[in-house]
Every structure is written in structure tokens, then in C-alpha cells.
Protein backbone atom coordinates (compact mmCIF):
# COMPACT_ATOMS: atom_id res chain seq x y z
CA MET A 1 -29.99 -29.31 -9.82
CA ALA A 2 -26.79 -29.59 -7.80
CA PHE A 3 -24.95 -26.46 -6.68
CA GLY A 4 -21.80 -25.89 -4.68
CA TRP A 5 -22.42 -23.96 -1.49
CA ILE A 6 -20.83 -20.76 -2.78
CA THR A 7 -22.88 -20.86 -5.99
CA ALA A 8 -26.04 -21.60 -4.04
CA LEU A 9 -25.44 -18.65 -1.72
CA LEU A 10 -24.77 -16.39 -4.69
CA VAL A 11 -28.08 -17.49 -6.19
CA PHE A 12 -29.78 -16.76 -2.88
CA CYS A 13 -28.17 -13.30 -2.67
CA VAL A 14 -29.26 -12.47 -6.23
CA ILE A 15 -32.83 -13.54 -5.48
CA ILE A 16 -32.91 -11.41 -2.31
CA ALA A 17 -31.46 -8.45 -4.24
CA LEU A 18 -34.17 -8.85 -6.89
CA MET A 19 -36.80 -8.99 -4.17
CA ILE A 20 -35.51 -5.79 -2.57
CA PHE A 21 -35.32 -4.08 -5.98
CA SER A 22 -38.90 -5.04 -6.82
CA ILE A 23 -40.18 -3.67 -3.49
CA SER A 24 -38.12 -0.48 -3.24
CA LYS A 25 -37.71 0.57 -6.88
CA LEU A 26 -40.51 -1.08 -8.84
CA LYS A 27 -42.95 -0.51 -5.95
CA ILE A 28 -44.38 -4.01 -6.22
CA HIS A 29 -46.28 -5.04 -3.10
CA PRO A 30 -44.03 -6.93 -0.64
CA PHE A 31 -46.43 -9.89 -0.62
CA LEU A 32 -46.06 -10.40 -4.36
CA SER A 33 -42.33 -9.67 -4.32
CA ILE A 34 -41.55 -12.15 -1.55
CA LEU A 35 -43.84 -14.84 -2.95
CA GLY A 36 -42.45 -14.36 -6.46
CA SER A 37 -38.89 -14.53 -5.15
CA ALA A 38 -39.67 -17.77 -3.32
CA LEU A 39 -41.12 -19.29 -6.48
CA LEU A 40 -38.14 -18.19 -8.58
CA LEU A 41 -35.71 -19.58 -5.99
CA ALA A 42 -37.57 -22.90 -5.97
CA LEU A 43 -37.35 -23.15 -9.77
CA ILE A 44 -33.66 -22.23 -9.97
CA MET A 45 -32.65 -24.55 -7.14
CA GLY A 46 -34.36 -27.47 -8.78
CA ILE A 47 -37.24 -28.30 -6.46
CA PRO A 48 -39.39 -30.74 -8.49
CA LEU A 49 -42.25 -28.94 -10.24
CA ARG A 50 -44.84 -31.29 -8.81
CA ASN A 51 -43.68 -30.41 -5.25
CA ILE A 52 -43.47 -26.61 -5.48
CA ALA A 53 -47.17 -25.97 -4.86
CA ASP A 54 -47.09 -28.18 -1.76
CA VAL A 55 -44.00 -26.37 -0.48
CA ILE A 56 -45.71 -23.00 -0.90
CA GLY A 57 -48.90 -24.25 0.76
CA LYS A 58 -46.99 -25.70 3.70
CA GLY A 59 -45.17 -22.46 4.42
CA PHE A 60 -48.26 -20.31 3.86
CA SER A 61 -50.63 -22.29 6.07
CA ALA A 62 -48.18 -22.49 8.97
CA ILE A 63 -48.65 -18.78 9.73
CA PHE A 64 -52.44 -18.93 9.82
CA SER A 65 -52.37 -21.87 12.20
CA SER A 66 -49.91 -20.26 14.60
CA ILE A 67 -49.68 -16.48 14.72
CA GLY A 68 -52.26 -15.00 12.32
CA LEU A 69 -55.02 -14.57 14.93
CA VAL A 70 -52.56 -13.07 17.42
CA ILE A 71 -51.60 -10.36 14.92
CA ILE A 72 -55.25 -9.55 14.18
CA LEU A 73 -56.29 -9.43 17.86
CA GLY A 74 -53.28 -7.31 18.83
CA THR A 75 -54.02 -4.86 16.02
CA LEU A 76 -57.69 -4.62 17.04
CA ILE A 77 -56.79 -3.88 20.68
CA GLY A 78 -54.32 -1.24 19.52
CA LEU A 79 -56.90 0.51 17.35
CA LEU A 80 -59.42 0.55 20.19
CA LEU A 81 -56.84 2.10 22.49
CA GLU A 82 -55.94 4.64 19.83
CA LYS A 83 -59.45 5.68 18.73
CA SER A 84 -60.94 5.79 22.23
CA GLY A 85 -58.24 8.07 23.59
CA ALA A 86 -56.95 5.38 25.97
CA ALA A 87 -53.45 5.72 24.52
CA LEU A 88 -53.60 9.45 25.23
CA ARG A 89 -54.74 8.73 28.78
CA LEU A 90 -51.69 6.48 29.31
CA ALA A 91 -49.49 9.25 27.94
CA GLU A 92 -51.00 11.80 30.29
CA SER A 93 -50.41 9.48 33.26
CA VAL A 94 -46.71 9.19 32.48
CA LEU A 95 -46.57 12.93 31.94
CA ARG A 96 -47.96 13.64 35.41
CA TRP A 97 -45.55 11.15 36.96
CA LEU A 98 -42.32 12.20 35.27
CA GLY A 99 -42.92 15.17 33.01
CA LYS A 100 -41.92 18.18 35.07
CA ARG A 101 -38.41 17.13 36.07
CA HIS A 102 -37.36 15.01 33.08
CA PRO A 103 -39.43 16.00 30.02
CA GLN A 104 -37.16 14.19 27.53
CA LEU A 105 -37.33 10.95 29.49
CA ALA A 106 -41.06 11.38 30.02
CA VAL A 107 -41.86 11.77 26.33
CA MET A 108 -39.57 8.84 25.48
CA LEU A 109 -41.34 6.57 27.98
CA ILE A 110 -44.72 7.82 26.75
CA GLY A 111 -43.74 6.79 23.23
CA TRP A 112 -42.40 3.43 24.43
CA ILE A 113 -45.63 2.60 26.30
CA VAL A 114 -47.99 3.84 23.59
CA SER A 115 -46.19 1.89 20.87
CA ILE A 116 -46.59 -1.48 22.60
CA PRO A 117 -50.20 -1.77 21.36
CA VAL A 118 -50.21 1.01 18.73
CA PHE A 119 -48.15 1.32 15.52
CA CYS A 120 -45.30 3.79 15.86
CA ASP A 121 -46.63 5.99 13.03
CA SER A 122 -50.01 6.37 14.72
CA GLY A 123 -48.34 6.69 18.10
CA PHE A 124 -46.31 9.69 16.97
CA VAL A 125 -49.47 11.40 15.68
CA ILE A 126 -51.24 10.73 18.98
CA VAL A 127 -48.44 11.96 21.25
CA ASN A 128 -47.11 14.81 19.09
CA PRO A 129 -49.35 17.48 20.68
CA ILE A 130 -48.00 16.46 24.10
CA ARG A 131 -44.44 16.63 22.75
CA LYS A 132 -45.00 20.19 21.51
CA TRP A 133 -46.62 21.28 24.75
CA MET A 134 -43.82 19.77 26.88
CA SER A 135 -41.15 21.41 24.73
CA ARG A 136 -42.78 24.82 25.06
CA LYS A 137 -43.47 24.46 28.77
CA SER A 138 -40.02 23.16 29.72
CA GLY A 139 -37.88 25.08 27.26
CA VAL A 140 -36.24 21.84 26.09
CA SER A 141 -35.34 21.78 22.39
CA SER A 142 -38.17 20.64 20.14
CA VAL A 143 -35.65 18.49 18.22
CA THR A 144 -34.56 16.77 21.43
CA MET A 145 -38.17 15.99 22.25
CA THR A 146 -38.86 14.76 18.71
CA VAL A 147 -35.91 12.35 18.71
CA ALA A 148 -36.78 11.13 22.21
CA LEU A 149 -40.41 10.46 21.29
CA ALA A 150 -39.60 8.84 17.92
CA SER A 151 -36.96 6.61 19.53
CA GLY A 152 -39.23 5.46 22.34
CA LEU A 153 -41.94 4.59 19.86
CA TYR A 154 -39.56 2.75 17.55
CA VAL A 155 -37.91 0.53 20.16
CA ALA A 156 -41.24 -0.86 21.39
CA HIS A 157 -42.41 -1.19 17.77
CA VAL A 158 -39.65 -3.70 16.92
CA PHE A 159 -39.06 -5.38 20.30
CA ILE A 160 -42.32 -5.87 22.21
CA PRO A 161 -45.49 -7.82 21.33
CA PRO A 162 -48.37 -7.38 20.65
CA THR A 163 -46.97 -5.07 17.98
CA PRO A 164 -47.36 -7.19 14.79
CA GLY A 165 -43.67 -7.20 13.77
CA PRO A 166 -42.23 -8.91 16.86
CA VAL A 167 -45.36 -11.07 17.16
CA ALA A 168 -44.88 -12.36 13.62
CA ALA A 169 -41.15 -12.91 14.08
CA ALA A 170 -41.70 -14.74 17.36
CA GLY A 171 -44.31 -17.01 15.80
CA MET A 172 -42.14 -17.84 12.80
CA LEU A 173 -39.23 -18.74 15.08
CA GLY A 174 -41.44 -21.10 17.11
CA LEU A 175 -42.36 -18.84 20.04
CA ALA A 176 -46.07 -18.49 19.32
CA ASN A 177 -46.86 -19.93 22.76
CA ASN A 178 -44.01 -18.09 24.50
CA LEU A 179 -44.92 -14.47 23.82
CA LEU A 180 -44.55 -13.60 27.50
CA LEU A 181 -40.87 -14.54 27.27
CA VAL A 182 -40.49 -12.32 24.21
CA ILE A 183 -42.23 -9.44 26.03
CA ILE A 184 -39.93 -9.75 29.05
CA VAL A 185 -36.79 -9.99 26.92
CA GLY A 186 -38.05 -7.09 24.80
CA VAL A 187 -38.54 -4.88 27.84
CA ILE A 188 -35.03 -5.68 29.12
CA CYS A 189 -33.45 -5.19 25.71
CA SER A 190 -35.14 -1.78 25.38
CA ILE A 191 -33.18 -0.22 28.22
CA ILE A 192 -29.74 0.33 26.69
CA PRO A 193 -30.84 1.50 23.21
CA LEU A 194 -33.28 3.91 24.86
CA ALA A 195 -30.46 5.24 27.03
CA ALA A 196 -28.28 5.71 23.95
CA ALA A 197 -31.12 7.51 22.16
CA TYR A 198 -31.72 9.71 25.21
CA PHE A 199 -28.14 10.99 25.23
CA LEU A 200 -28.14 11.41 21.46
CA ALA A 201 -31.41 13.36 21.60
CA ASN A 202 -29.93 15.82 24.09
CA ARG A 203 -26.82 16.21 21.94
CA VAL A 204 -28.47 16.77 18.55
CA GLY A 205 -31.03 19.10 20.09
CA LYS A 206 -28.24 21.62 20.73
CA LYS A 207 -27.08 21.55 17.10
CA VAL A 208 -30.23 21.14 15.01
CA HIS A 209 -33.28 23.39 15.04
CA SER A 210 -36.81 22.84 13.77
CA SER A 211 -39.61 25.05 12.53
CA ASP A 212 -41.48 24.18 15.75
CA GLU A 213 -39.07 26.40 17.65
CA GLU A 214 -40.02 29.48 15.67
CA GLY A 215 -42.63 31.74 17.20
CA PHE A 216 -43.36 29.83 20.39
CA GLU A 217 -46.12 31.48 22.37
CA ASP A 218 -45.66 32.63 25.93
CA ALA A 219 -46.46 30.37 28.83
CA GLY A 220 -50.01 31.73 29.05
CA SER A 221 -50.92 30.88 25.45
CA VAL A 222 -53.44 28.26 24.44
CA VAL A 223 -52.25 24.94 23.03
CA ALA A 224 -54.60 22.19 21.83
CA GLY A 225 -57.53 23.88 23.60
CA GLN A 226 -55.71 24.18 26.94
CA ARG A 227 -53.58 26.74 28.69
CA VAL A 228 -50.08 25.32 28.83
CA GLU A 229 -50.08 25.41 32.62
CA ASP A 230 -52.58 22.55 32.47
CA VAL A 231 -51.47 18.97 32.00
CA SER A 232 -54.63 17.63 30.38
CA PHE A 233 -55.08 17.67 26.60
CA SER A 234 -58.56 16.24 26.72
CA GLU A 235 -60.95 18.95 27.88
CA ASP A 236 -62.92 18.71 24.64
CA LYS A 237 -63.31 14.93 24.92
CA ALA A 238 -63.82 12.61 27.87
CA LEU A 239 -61.08 10.00 28.11
CA PRO A 240 -61.22 6.52 29.65
CA SER A 241 -59.83 5.99 33.14
CA VAL A 242 -56.27 4.80 33.62
CA MET A 243 -57.55 1.37 34.69
CA MET A 244 -59.71 1.01 31.58
CA SER A 245 -56.80 2.13 29.43
CA VAL A 246 -54.16 -0.18 30.87
CA LEU A 247 -56.24 -3.34 31.46
CA PRO A 248 -56.33 -4.50 27.79
CA ILE A 249 -52.52 -4.43 27.79
CA VAL A 250 -51.82 -5.81 31.25
CA LEU A 251 -54.43 -8.58 31.42
CA PRO A 252 -53.00 -10.64 28.49
CA ILE A 253 -49.54 -10.40 30.07
CA ILE A 254 -50.87 -11.60 33.44
CA LEU A 255 -52.75 -14.49 31.81
CA MET A 256 -49.75 -15.55 29.73
CA GLY A 257 -47.61 -15.39 32.86
CA ALA A 258 -50.06 -17.60 34.76
CA GLY A 259 -50.16 -20.07 31.88
CA SER A 260 -46.38 -20.21 31.73
CA LEU A 261 -46.21 -20.80 35.50
CA VAL A 262 -48.66 -23.71 35.23
CA SER A 263 -46.58 -25.19 32.43
CA VAL A 264 -43.23 -24.79 34.22
CA LEU A 265 -44.51 -26.21 37.51
CA LYS A 266 -46.37 -28.98 35.64
CA LEU A 267 -49.51 -28.38 37.68
CA GLU A 268 -52.57 -30.51 37.07
CA GLY A 269 -56.27 -30.28 37.78
CA LEU A 270 -59.19 -28.18 36.58
CA ALA A 271 -57.77 -24.86 37.79
CA ALA A 272 -54.43 -25.57 36.12
CA ASP A 273 -56.21 -26.49 32.89
CA ILE A 274 -58.18 -23.23 32.99
CA PHE A 275 -55.08 -21.09 33.53
CA PHE A 276 -53.19 -23.02 30.85
CA PHE A 277 -56.07 -22.35 28.44
CA LEU A 278 -56.27 -18.67 29.34
CA GLY A 279 -52.48 -18.36 29.05
CA LYS A 280 -52.41 -19.25 25.37
CA PRO A 281 -51.56 -16.01 23.50
CA VAL A 282 -54.68 -16.15 21.30
CA ILE A 283 -56.97 -16.60 24.32
CA ALA A 284 -55.07 -14.06 26.44
CA LEU A 285 -55.34 -11.42 23.73
CA ALA A 286 -59.01 -12.30 23.21
CA ALA A 287 -59.53 -11.62 26.93
CA GLY A 288 -57.71 -8.31 26.52
CA LEU A 289 -60.00 -7.51 23.61
CA VAL A 290 -63.09 -8.21 25.72
CA CYS A 291 -61.71 -5.87 28.40
CA SER A 292 -61.32 -3.17 25.75
CA PHE A 293 -65.03 -3.24 24.81
CA PRO A 294 -65.96 -0.58 27.41
CA LEU A 295 -63.69 1.76 25.41
CA LEU A 296 -66.23 1.67 22.58
CA GLY A 297 -68.31 4.24 24.46
CA TYR A 298 -65.48 6.76 24.06
CA ILE A 299 -65.27 6.42 20.27
CA VAL A 300 -67.34 8.92 18.32
CA ASN A 301 -69.50 7.22 15.70
CA GLU A 302 -70.63 9.51 12.92
CA ASN A 303 -73.53 7.21 12.01
CA ASP A 304 -75.68 6.15 14.95
CA GLY A 305 -73.40 5.97 18.00
CA LYS A 306 -74.28 2.35 18.76
CA SER A 307 -71.47 0.30 20.28
CA PHE A 308 -71.85 -2.61 17.88
CA SER A 309 -71.70 -0.25 14.93
CA VAL A 310 -68.52 1.29 16.34
CA LEU A 311 -67.03 -2.14 16.94
CA ASN A 312 -67.80 -3.20 13.38
CA LYS A 313 -66.07 -0.12 12.00
CA VAL A 314 -62.99 -0.56 14.19
CA THR A 315 -62.84 -4.27 13.32
CA GLU A 316 -62.93 -3.45 9.61
CA ASP A 317 -60.09 -0.98 10.11
CA ALA A 318 -58.11 -3.55 12.09
CA LEU A 319 -58.55 -6.21 9.42
CA ARG A 320 -57.42 -3.74 6.76
CA THR A 321 -54.34 -2.96 8.86
CA ALA A 322 -53.52 -6.50 9.95
CA GLY A 323 -54.38 -8.22 6.66
CA PRO A 324 -51.30 -7.10 4.73
CA ILE A 325 -49.08 -7.93 7.71
CA VAL A 326 -50.48 -11.45 8.02
CA PHE A 327 -50.10 -12.13 4.30
CA ILE A 328 -46.60 -10.66 4.12
CA THR A 329 -45.70 -12.80 7.12
CA ALA A 330 -47.12 -15.85 5.33
CA ALA A 331 -45.11 -15.00 2.21
CA GLY A 332 -41.99 -14.81 4.37
CA ALA A 333 -42.80 -18.26 5.74
CA VAL A 334 -43.09 -19.55 2.18
CA LEU A 335 -39.62 -18.19 1.42
CA GLY A 336 -38.29 -19.91 4.53
CA GLN A 337 -39.88 -23.21 3.50
CA VAL A 338 -38.39 -22.94 0.01
CA ILE A 339 -34.96 -22.22 1.53
CA TYR A 340 -35.21 -25.46 3.48
CA ASP A 341 -36.59 -27.61 0.65
CA ALA A 342 -34.00 -26.21 -1.76
CA GLY A 343 -31.24 -27.60 0.45
CA PHE A 344 -29.77 -24.36 1.78
CA VAL A 345 -29.86 -25.55 5.36
CA GLU A 346 -27.89 -28.67 4.51
CA LEU A 347 -25.37 -26.58 2.56
CA ILE A 348 -24.89 -24.27 5.53
CA LYS A 349 -24.68 -27.20 7.96
CA ARG A 350 -21.77 -28.60 5.96
CA ASN A 351 -20.06 -25.21 6.18
CA ALA A 352 -21.32 -24.17 9.60
CA GLY A 353 -17.96 -22.82 10.68
CA VAL A 354 -18.22 -20.00 8.17
CA PHE A 355 -21.48 -18.74 9.66
CA SER A 356 -21.29 -19.78 13.30
CA THR A 357 -18.72 -17.08 14.03
CA LEU A 358 -21.36 -14.44 13.27
CA GLY A 359 -23.77 -15.96 15.75
CA ILE A 360 -26.63 -13.63 16.59
CA LEU A 361 -25.23 -10.96 14.26
CA PHE A 362 -26.30 -13.12 11.30
CA PRO A 363 -30.07 -12.39 11.61
CA PHE A 364 -29.28 -8.79 12.59
CA LEU A 365 -27.35 -8.19 9.38
CA ILE A 366 -30.01 -9.78 7.18
CA ALA A 367 -32.76 -7.69 8.79
CA ALA A 368 -30.66 -4.51 8.62
CA ILE A 369 -29.97 -5.00 4.91
CA LEU A 370 -33.63 -5.62 4.19
CA LYS A 371 -34.76 -2.67 6.33
CA THR A 372 -32.30 -0.17 4.87
CA ALA A 373 -33.03 -1.27 1.32
CA GLN A 374 -36.82 -1.41 1.26
CA GLY A 375 -37.97 0.65 4.25
CA SER A 376 -40.52 -1.51 6.06
CA SER A 377 -39.52 -2.83 9.49
CA THR A 378 -42.33 -5.39 9.42
CA VAL A 379 -41.24 -6.77 6.04
CA ALA A 380 -37.63 -6.93 7.25
CA MET A 381 -38.65 -8.80 10.41
CA THR A 382 -40.99 -11.30 8.78
CA THR A 383 -38.67 -12.04 5.88
CA THR A 384 -35.66 -12.57 8.14
CA ALA A 385 -37.66 -14.74 10.54
CA GLY A 386 -38.85 -16.81 7.60
CA ILE A 387 -35.27 -17.36 6.51
CA MET A 388 -34.20 -18.40 10.04
CA GLY A 389 -36.99 -20.93 10.63
CA MET A 390 -38.20 -22.59 13.84
CA PHE A 391 -35.83 -22.97 16.77
CA SER A 392 -37.27 -26.41 17.53
CA SER A 393 -36.56 -27.77 14.06
CA SER A 394 -33.26 -29.48 13.31
CA GLU A 395 -33.88 -28.53 9.68
CA SER A 396 -33.63 -24.75 10.17
CA LEU A 397 -30.92 -22.11 10.17
CA MET A 398 -31.71 -21.55 13.85
CA SER A 399 -30.46 -25.07 14.52
CA VAL A 400 -27.36 -24.56 12.35
CA LEU A 401 -26.42 -21.43 14.31
CA GLY A 402 -27.09 -23.08 17.65
CA PHE A 403 -30.28 -21.25 18.62
CA THR A 404 -32.24 -24.24 19.88
CA THR A 405 -33.84 -23.00 23.11
CA PRO A 406 -36.75 -20.60 23.73
CA LEU A 407 -34.39 -18.04 25.33
CA SER A 408 -31.99 -18.12 22.40
CA ALA A 409 -34.92 -17.79 20.00
CA ALA A 410 -36.18 -14.75 21.96
CA LEU A 411 -32.73 -13.16 21.61
CA VAL A 412 -32.89 -13.81 17.86
CA VAL A 413 -36.25 -12.02 17.76
CA MET A 414 -34.50 -9.05 19.40
CA ALA A 415 -31.60 -9.24 16.92
CA ILE A 416 -34.06 -9.23 14.04
CA GLY A 417 -35.88 -6.29 15.63
CA ALA A 418 -32.60 -4.40 16.07
CA GLY A 419 -31.82 -4.96 12.41
CA ALA A 420 -35.33 -3.88 11.46
CA MET A 421 -34.74 -0.39 12.86
CA THR A 422 -31.33 0.02 11.19
CA VAL A 423 -31.97 2.46 9.63
CA SER A 424 -35.11 4.55 9.12
CA HIS A 425 -34.65 6.96 6.23
CA ALA A 426 -36.48 8.36 3.20
CA ASN A 427 -37.96 5.03 2.03
CA ASP A 428 -39.65 4.53 5.41
CA SER A 429 -43.07 6.10 6.06
CA TYR A 430 -42.13 6.63 9.71
CA PHE A 431 -39.24 8.88 8.64
CA TRP A 432 -41.71 11.22 6.96
CA VAL A 433 -44.13 11.19 9.90
CA VAL A 434 -41.32 12.16 12.28
CA THR A 435 -39.72 14.81 10.08
CA ARG A 436 -42.94 16.47 8.92
CA MET A 437 -44.68 16.53 12.30
CA GLY A 438 -41.41 17.36 14.06
CA GLY A 439 -40.79 20.38 11.83
CA LEU A 440 -37.54 18.95 10.43
CA SER A 441 -36.09 19.25 6.95
CA VAL A 442 -35.07 16.07 5.13
CA LYS A 443 -31.41 16.89 5.76
CA ASP A 444 -32.03 17.41 9.47
CA GLY A 445 -34.16 14.26 9.55
CA TYR A 446 -31.11 12.29 8.49
CA LYS A 447 -28.98 14.05 11.11
CA THR A 448 -31.42 13.28 13.90
CA HIS A 449 -33.96 10.49 13.38
CA THR A 450 -31.93 8.37 10.95
CA ARG A 451 -28.85 8.78 13.10
CA ALA A 452 -30.78 7.77 16.21
CA THR A 453 -32.11 4.59 14.57
CA LEU A 454 -28.57 3.69 13.48
CA VAL A 455 -27.23 4.19 17.00
CA MET A 456 -30.07 2.22 18.59
CA GLY A 457 -29.74 -0.64 16.12
CA VAL A 458 -25.97 -0.98 16.41
CA VAL A 459 -25.99 -0.60 20.21
CA SER A 460 -28.71 -3.26 20.45
CA ALA A 461 -26.72 -5.63 18.23
CA ILE A 462 -23.59 -5.21 20.33
CA VAL A 463 -25.48 -5.77 23.58
CA LEU A 464 -27.24 -8.84 22.17
CA TYR A 465 -23.97 -10.28 20.89
CA ILE A 466 -22.36 -9.91 24.32
CA ALA A 467 -25.48 -11.32 26.01
CA SER A 468 -25.46 -14.31 23.66
CA LEU A 469 -21.83 -15.07 24.55
CA ILE A 470 -22.69 -15.02 28.26
CA ILE A 471 -26.12 -16.66 28.29
CA LEU A 472 -26.06 -19.14 25.43
């Protein structure tokens, strides 16, 4: 079936609107909604019936052969850090280093670090007792501390692997073997939005009040089993050492860095082959997982306390958490494959001037629309990445828009991440975690958390647009 480019884009927009409606209003699972939308788009655009199943299979299998294991391993490491108390140990370390003089900055950095391996929702639950204690001890507004913590968690959640969202987006854009580059770019791109959120947190904390600020105890009162003069929150439970806590995060980064160095310098020999092997993201994360096994001894097992039993339980939890993400990511890849086979890329190539002016704002806008409409940052990231395609393929939207190098693809991952946090509101589970645990009303949640995610997303988009003009 032949369509003009305007008609084809209208069809695409209608399909995306139906997908968003089915997820946000009809509450159909994103996997089914995205897959169903891809199938409907294939039928309307006239892909031959005998080819549709192959198109779906091609897009679906690509994820499992590239990034699926990375998502699962990253999720498993994150759960081990969370359940063992290692994430809390990292938070305490930052608190000792920075907490007394700059409590807002300390809690923001704690959130940013914790959310690299741990989901932002879980991260807020883990760090919230520290946030409350620091607010009471320092006298800084509870709302300021809530916004600072939530913002730090959110930026790492959408920018930095091994969090599943950026991992999936990187893999779908062709950066499965360049996660170190994405991590470095993600760290750099975190700076300015975090600074914007820091100033906003201080501002809104003077105007908005929470229920946390009512009835604060005196400095000698007991909080979380500790007198507030004490820094530790872990007297009732032994925590891993700082080295044990940080090694599962740092080791994969070191190995990926070594592998990248071997590749860039084109080194040869047995040692080079070993480092190249260890530098592959799947192997590097597997090494990080092995280093996290000693943390099993810090996880309470209600059954028999045996390490293997604990590992089995945590693995089951990780598979339950990562499974939906992997399959949603695969569904997004199917949609991207259908977009290519339906001829959208060729249509856009013939009218590239219309879209090239948007540049890196194009993926940002798509992700922002998806995020605002249906609530899930991960769904927004994977769906947008599926639409963009691989940077190395001349048959993708990445190629049409001129993003044909690993660095440009990493910037697109950041643009998608920036869109995926614009904005968090009532259809996002994280909004409710932040408002409820931060003692905020829904109205005040919009004034603080939602506003902060809007500021961070827009600031990130502007910075990335300027960076793309200079670098690319």
C-alpha cells in the first residue's frame, strides 16, 4: 500500500496515540500494547502478510542476542546491593564525607550513586530514613531534601547503566559493546541537571511544607534506632564494608575500560585477548556479580540461611523484575523493525530536511511525549530507542538524522533519557513513592517533584542540543 509521507506520518502518529491510550487508560500491559501497535502498523502500511511474522521475530530476537543478559545481570547486582545493605553502606560513606556542611548536596549525591545499580523507587525507600535524619539534624527543609534525593535518584536512573532503561536504549541504538562510553557520557551529562535541581530544591523548600516537618523531635531523640548525633543507621544490622559494597559497581567499569583500551590501541596477544573478553559488558557484569556473592552473607534468609538458598531467592526476584523490562524492550525493537520494513525510514530520508533541523531534540520529544502520557520511563526509553534504530545501520532513523558514530549515539541515549524524565506525575509510580514517603500532598508533589523533573529534562535537552552542535 503506497502512502505519501504526510499520510504515513499521520498513520504512525495515530498508532502511537492508540498505544499510549491502551497503556495509560485501558491499563493494558506495555508489552501487549507495543506489540499490538507494531502488528497493526504492519498491516496498515501494507507489509506482506507472509513477511510480518519474520519481521516480528527479527526485531524480537535482536534484543535477546545483544542486551537481554546485560539487563538481567545488572538487575541482579542491584538487588544484591539493595537487600544486603550495601547500598545503605555507600549512602553512609557519602554522608560522612559531605553530609555536615552540605546536606542537600550530600543526599542528592547519595541518591545519584545508589540509583546507578538500584531502581529509583527502591533507592528512595532505602535512603529515605537518611533523608529524614539529615533534615532533622541540619534544620534544612524536609521538602528541599526530598526534591534533592528524588532528583539525584532520577538522573542516574535514566542516564547511567547498568540501570535497565539506559542499558536497553544503548543496546537498541547499537552500543551494546560500548556501555563504558554511555556511562562516561551519562556521568558528564548528569552534572548540569543535578545543579538545576539543587537550586530548585532550595527554592521550593522555602515555599512548600510537608507533614515530615510537623512535630520534629529534639536533637537527642531516637531515629531509626539511633540517636541523631550518630551517623550510622545500621546498629541493628551488620553492613558490608565499603570495598565490598563498591566493588560490584566499579569492577565492571574497570574491565569495560580495559577492553575498550585494548580495542582502541589494537593490541594483540593472549593478554589482550583476555582483557578484550573480560571487557565485554556481559562478561564484565558477570564478574561484578561474582564479586557481589560475598554480600549474600548479609542477607537475612527466613528459611535456612544458606547462601545458595539466598542466591536462588534473589535471582528469582531479579528475573521477575528484569523479565518485563527485557520483553518490553523486545517489543520496542519489534516496533522499530516494523517502522523500517514499512518504509518510514525511506519516507523520512526523502524529506530529511523537515526533521534534520530538530536534530537531537527529535528523540527527546518522542520520549517526553511517551513518558508524560503513559508514566513509565523505561517504556518511554525502549520504545523511542526502537523507533530510532541502530546508529551503524544506514536503514535507521539514526542514519537519517546524522547520528552515525558511537559518540553521537551515546548523546542520543542521553536525549532519550532526558525525555524519559519529562515529566514524572500522577501516572508514574515514582511520583507516588516520592510524595507519600516525602510527606507531600498531590498538589505539592506537582509543585516540587514534577516541576523538578520538568526542569531537569528541559535543561538536559538544551545542554545536549548545544553539545551536539559543537561535537557532532
